[in-house]
Amino acid sequence: MANIKSAKKRILVTRTKTARNKSIRSEVKTSIKKVEAAVENKDKAAAAAALTDAISTISKAGTKGVYHKNNVSRKVSRLSRLVNSIG
């Protein structure tokens, strides 16, 4: 365990940030799974609605620094291509 005050603070801050990032990542994964499930059922309307929600969630994660902007773009692109493949 750390003895220095600043090191103790860093441990606490890291725990807080880790919990926040984990929560956001979980939310992103859930939204991606919803899109994939709608695509699997070949439900175009539900997939489009889920895609809109997923893009919003993924973009927010990117602006908060949980994901790199290129990672965000890749995730959005893959989901969009998946939804467009239903047609």
N, C-alpha and C. Protein backbone atom coordinates (compact mmCIF):
# COMPACT_ATOMS: atom_id res chain seq x y z
N MET A 1 0.85 -1.20 0.00
CA MET A 1 0.00 0.00 0.00
C MET A 1 0.88 1.24 0.00
N ALA A 2 0.40 2.27 -0.66
CA ALA A 2 1.17 3.52 -0.78
C ALA A 2 1.22 4.26 0.55
N ASN A 3 2.34 4.91 0.79
CA ASN A 3 2.51 5.70 2.02
C ASN A 3 2.39 7.19 1.75
N ILE A 4 2.72 7.60 0.54
CA ILE A 4 2.72 9.02 0.20
C ILE A 4 1.31 9.48 -0.14
N LYS A 5 0.97 10.68 0.33
CA LYS A 5 -0.38 11.19 0.17
C LYS A 5 -0.82 11.26 -1.29
N SER A 6 0.06 11.74 -2.16
CA SER A 6 -0.29 11.87 -3.57
C SER A 6 -0.49 10.51 -4.22
N ALA A 7 0.27 9.52 -3.78
CA ALA A 7 0.12 8.17 -4.32
C ALA A 7 -1.22 7.57 -3.89
N LYS A 8 -1.62 7.84 -2.66
CA LYS A 8 -2.92 7.37 -2.17
C LYS A 8 -4.05 7.99 -2.98
N LYS A 9 -3.89 9.29 -3.27
CA LYS A 9 -4.91 9.99 -4.05
C LYS A 9 -5.00 9.40 -5.46
N ARG A 10 -3.86 9.12 -6.07
CA ARG A 10 -3.84 8.54 -7.41
C ARG A 10 -4.57 7.21 -7.44
N ILE A 11 -4.40 6.40 -6.40
CA ILE A 11 -5.09 5.11 -6.31
C ILE A 11 -6.60 5.33 -6.30
N LEU A 12 -7.06 6.28 -5.50
CA LEU A 12 -8.50 6.55 -5.42
C LEU A 12 -9.05 7.07 -6.74
N VAL A 13 -8.31 8.00 -7.36
CA VAL A 13 -8.75 8.58 -8.62
C VAL A 13 -8.80 7.52 -9.71
N THR A 14 -7.80 6.64 -9.73
CA THR A 14 -7.74 5.57 -10.72
C THR A 14 -8.92 4.62 -10.56
N ARG A 15 -9.26 4.30 -9.31
CA ARG A 15 -10.43 3.42 -9.08
C ARG A 15 -11.70 4.05 -9.62
N THR A 16 -11.87 5.35 -9.37
CA THR A 16 -13.06 6.06 -9.83
C THR A 16 -13.14 6.05 -11.35
N LYS A 17 -12.03 6.40 -12.00
CA LYS A 17 -12.00 6.45 -13.46
C LYS A 17 -12.21 5.06 -14.07
N THR A 18 -11.63 4.05 -13.45
CA THR A 18 -11.77 2.69 -13.95
C THR A 18 -13.23 2.25 -13.91
N ALA A 19 -13.90 2.57 -12.81
CA ALA A 19 -15.32 2.21 -12.68
C ALA A 19 -16.16 2.93 -13.74
N ARG A 20 -15.86 4.20 -13.97
CA ARG A 20 -16.60 4.99 -14.95
C ARG A 20 -16.38 4.43 -16.35
N ASN A 21 -15.12 4.16 -16.69
CA ASN A 21 -14.80 3.62 -18.02
C ASN A 21 -15.44 2.26 -18.24
N LYS A 22 -15.43 1.44 -17.20
CA LYS A 22 -16.01 0.09 -17.30
C LYS A 22 -17.51 0.19 -17.57
N SER A 23 -18.16 1.11 -16.89
CA SER A 23 -19.60 1.31 -17.07
C SER A 23 -19.91 1.76 -18.50
N ILE A 24 -19.12 2.70 -19.00
CA ILE A 24 -19.34 3.23 -20.35
C ILE A 24 -19.08 2.15 -21.39
N ARG A 25 -18.01 1.37 -21.22
CA ARG A 25 -17.69 0.29 -22.15
C ARG A 25 -18.82 -0.75 -22.18
N SER A 26 -19.35 -1.05 -21.01
CA SER A 26 -20.44 -2.01 -20.90
C SER A 26 -21.67 -1.51 -21.66
N GLU A 27 -21.95 -0.23 -21.51
CA GLU A 27 -23.10 0.38 -22.19
C GLU A 27 -22.93 0.30 -23.71
N VAL A 28 -21.70 0.55 -24.18
CA VAL A 28 -21.42 0.48 -25.61
C VAL A 28 -21.61 -0.95 -26.13
N LYS A 29 -21.09 -1.92 -25.39
CA LYS A 29 -21.21 -3.32 -25.80
C LYS A 29 -22.67 -3.74 -25.87
N THR A 30 -23.47 -3.30 -24.91
CA THR A 30 -24.90 -3.62 -24.89
C THR A 30 -25.60 -3.05 -26.11
N SER A 31 -25.30 -1.80 -26.45
CA SER A 31 -25.95 -1.17 -27.60
C SER A 31 -25.54 -1.85 -28.90
N ILE A 32 -24.30 -2.31 -28.98
CA ILE A 32 -23.84 -3.04 -30.17
C ILE A 32 -24.58 -4.37 -30.29
N LYS A 33 -24.75 -5.05 -29.15
CA LYS A 33 -25.46 -6.34 -29.16
C LYS A 33 -26.91 -6.17 -29.59
N LYS A 34 -27.53 -5.06 -29.22
CA LYS A 34 -28.92 -4.81 -29.62
C LYS A 34 -29.02 -4.66 -31.14
N VAL A 35 -28.06 -3.95 -31.72
CA VAL A 35 -28.06 -3.78 -33.18
C VAL A 35 -27.87 -5.14 -33.86
N GLU A 36 -26.90 -5.90 -33.37
CA GLU A 36 -26.61 -7.22 -33.96
C GLU A 36 -27.81 -8.16 -33.85
N ALA A 37 -28.52 -8.09 -32.73
CA ALA A 37 -29.70 -8.94 -32.54
C ALA A 37 -30.80 -8.56 -33.53
N ALA A 38 -31.00 -7.25 -33.73
CA ALA A 38 -32.02 -6.79 -34.67
C ALA A 38 -31.66 -7.21 -36.09
N VAL A 39 -30.38 -7.15 -36.43
CA VAL A 39 -29.94 -7.55 -37.77
C VAL A 39 -30.13 -9.06 -37.96
N GLU A 40 -29.84 -9.81 -36.91
CA GLU A 40 -29.99 -11.26 -36.98
C GLU A 40 -31.45 -11.66 -37.22
N ASN A 41 -32.38 -10.87 -36.64
CA ASN A 41 -33.80 -11.12 -36.84
C ASN A 41 -34.33 -10.51 -38.12
N LYS A 42 -33.45 -9.85 -38.87
CA LYS A 42 -33.77 -9.19 -40.14
C LYS A 42 -34.89 -8.15 -39.98
N ASP A 43 -34.86 -7.44 -38.86
CA ASP A 43 -35.83 -6.39 -38.58
C ASP A 43 -35.19 -5.03 -38.88
N LYS A 44 -35.44 -4.54 -40.08
CA LYS A 44 -34.79 -3.31 -40.57
C LYS A 44 -35.10 -2.10 -39.70
N ALA A 45 -36.37 -1.94 -39.31
CA ALA A 45 -36.77 -0.76 -38.52
C ALA A 45 -36.12 -0.78 -37.14
N ALA A 46 -36.16 -1.93 -36.49
CA ALA A 46 -35.55 -2.05 -35.15
C ALA A 46 -34.04 -1.87 -35.23
N ALA A 47 -33.45 -2.40 -36.29
CA ALA A 47 -31.99 -2.27 -36.46
C ALA A 47 -31.60 -0.81 -36.66
N ALA A 48 -32.39 -0.08 -37.44
CA ALA A 48 -32.10 1.34 -37.67
C ALA A 48 -32.23 2.15 -36.39
N ALA A 49 -33.25 1.84 -35.60
CA ALA A 49 -33.44 2.54 -34.33
C ALA A 49 -32.32 2.21 -33.35
N ALA A 50 -31.95 0.94 -33.30
CA ALA A 50 -30.86 0.52 -32.41
C ALA A 50 -29.54 1.12 -32.87
N LEU A 51 -29.37 1.24 -34.19
CA LEU A 51 -28.13 1.83 -34.73
C LEU A 51 -27.99 3.28 -34.30
N THR A 52 -29.07 4.04 -34.38
CA THR A 52 -29.05 5.44 -33.97
C THR A 52 -28.64 5.57 -32.51
N ASP A 53 -29.22 4.72 -31.67
CA ASP A 53 -28.89 4.72 -30.24
C ASP A 53 -27.44 4.32 -30.02
N ALA A 54 -26.99 3.31 -30.76
CA ALA A 54 -25.61 2.82 -30.61
C ALA A 54 -24.60 3.87 -31.03
N ILE A 55 -24.87 4.56 -32.14
CA ILE A 55 -23.95 5.60 -32.61
C ILE A 55 -23.82 6.69 -31.57
N SER A 56 -24.94 7.07 -30.98
CA SER A 56 -24.93 8.09 -29.93
C SER A 56 -24.09 7.64 -28.74
N THR A 57 -24.31 6.43 -28.29
CA THR A 57 -23.58 5.89 -27.14
C THR A 57 -22.09 5.79 -27.42
N ILE A 58 -21.74 5.30 -28.60
CA ILE A 58 -20.33 5.14 -28.97
C ILE A 58 -19.64 6.50 -29.09
N SER A 59 -20.33 7.46 -29.68
CA SER A 59 -19.75 8.79 -29.84
C SER A 59 -19.50 9.46 -28.49
N LYS A 60 -20.44 9.29 -27.57
CA LYS A 60 -20.26 9.84 -26.22
C LYS A 60 -19.05 9.22 -25.54
N ALA A 61 -18.88 7.91 -25.72
CA ALA A 61 -17.73 7.22 -25.14
C ALA A 61 -16.43 7.78 -25.72
N GLY A 62 -16.47 8.13 -27.01
CA GLY A 62 -15.29 8.71 -27.67
C GLY A 62 -14.96 10.09 -27.14
N THR A 63 -15.99 10.92 -26.92
CA THR A 63 -15.73 12.27 -26.43
C THR A 63 -15.26 12.27 -24.98
N LYS A 64 -15.64 11.23 -24.23
CA LYS A 64 -15.21 11.14 -22.83
C LYS A 64 -13.83 10.51 -22.69
N GLY A 65 -13.26 10.08 -23.81
CA GLY A 65 -11.91 9.54 -23.77
C GLY A 65 -11.81 8.07 -23.45
N VAL A 66 -12.94 7.38 -23.49
CA VAL A 66 -12.92 5.95 -23.20
C VAL A 66 -12.38 5.20 -24.42
N TYR A 67 -12.77 5.65 -25.63
CA TYR A 67 -12.30 5.06 -26.87
C TYR A 67 -11.58 6.12 -27.70
N HIS A 68 -10.61 5.70 -28.49
CA HIS A 68 -9.92 6.58 -29.42
C HIS A 68 -10.86 6.89 -30.57
N LYS A 69 -10.69 8.06 -31.18
CA LYS A 69 -11.61 8.48 -32.24
C LYS A 69 -11.64 7.51 -33.42
N ASN A 70 -10.50 6.90 -33.75
CA ASN A 70 -10.47 5.93 -34.85
C ASN A 70 -11.24 4.66 -34.48
N ASN A 71 -11.14 4.28 -33.22
CA ASN A 71 -11.88 3.11 -32.73
C ASN A 71 -13.38 3.38 -32.82
N VAL A 72 -13.77 4.60 -32.45
CA VAL A 72 -15.18 5.00 -32.52
C VAL A 72 -15.66 4.92 -33.97
N SER A 73 -14.87 5.48 -34.87
CA SER A 73 -15.24 5.48 -36.29
C SER A 73 -15.37 4.06 -36.83
N ARG A 74 -14.46 3.20 -36.43
CA ARG A 74 -14.49 1.81 -36.90
C ARG A 74 -15.74 1.09 -36.40
N LYS A 75 -16.07 1.28 -35.13
CA LYS A 75 -17.25 0.64 -34.57
C LYS A 75 -18.52 1.11 -35.28
N VAL A 76 -18.63 2.42 -35.47
CA VAL A 76 -19.81 2.99 -36.13
C VAL A 76 -19.91 2.48 -37.57
N SER A 77 -18.78 2.46 -38.26
CA SER A 77 -18.75 2.02 -39.65
C SER A 77 -19.19 0.57 -39.77
N ARG A 78 -18.67 -0.28 -38.92
CA ARG A 78 -19.02 -1.71 -38.97
C ARG A 78 -20.50 -1.94 -38.70
N LEU A 79 -21.03 -1.20 -37.71
CA LEU A 79 -22.46 -1.35 -37.41
C LEU A 79 -23.33 -0.85 -38.55
N SER A 80 -22.95 0.28 -39.14
CA SER A 80 -23.71 0.84 -40.26
C SER A 80 -23.72 -0.12 -41.43
N ARG A 81 -22.56 -0.70 -41.72
CA ARG A 81 -22.45 -1.65 -42.83
C ARG A 81 -23.31 -2.89 -42.56
N LEU A 82 -23.34 -3.30 -41.29
CA LEU A 82 -24.14 -4.46 -40.89
C LEU A 82 -25.63 -4.20 -41.11
N VAL A 83 -26.08 -3.02 -40.70
CA VAL A 83 -27.50 -2.66 -40.85
C VAL A 83 -27.87 -2.52 -42.33
N ASN A 84 -26.96 -1.94 -43.10
CA ASN A 84 -27.23 -1.75 -44.53
C ASN A 84 -27.25 -3.07 -45.29
N SER A 85 -26.66 -4.10 -44.72
CA SER A 85 -26.62 -5.40 -45.40
C SER A 85 -27.98 -6.11 -45.34
N ILE A 86 -28.88 -5.64 -44.50
CA ILE A 86 -30.21 -6.26 -44.39
C ILE A 86 -30.99 -6.09 -45.69
N GLY A 87 -31.01 -4.82 -46.17
CA GLY A 87 -31.78 -4.41 -47.34
C GLY A 87 -31.97 -5.40 -48.40
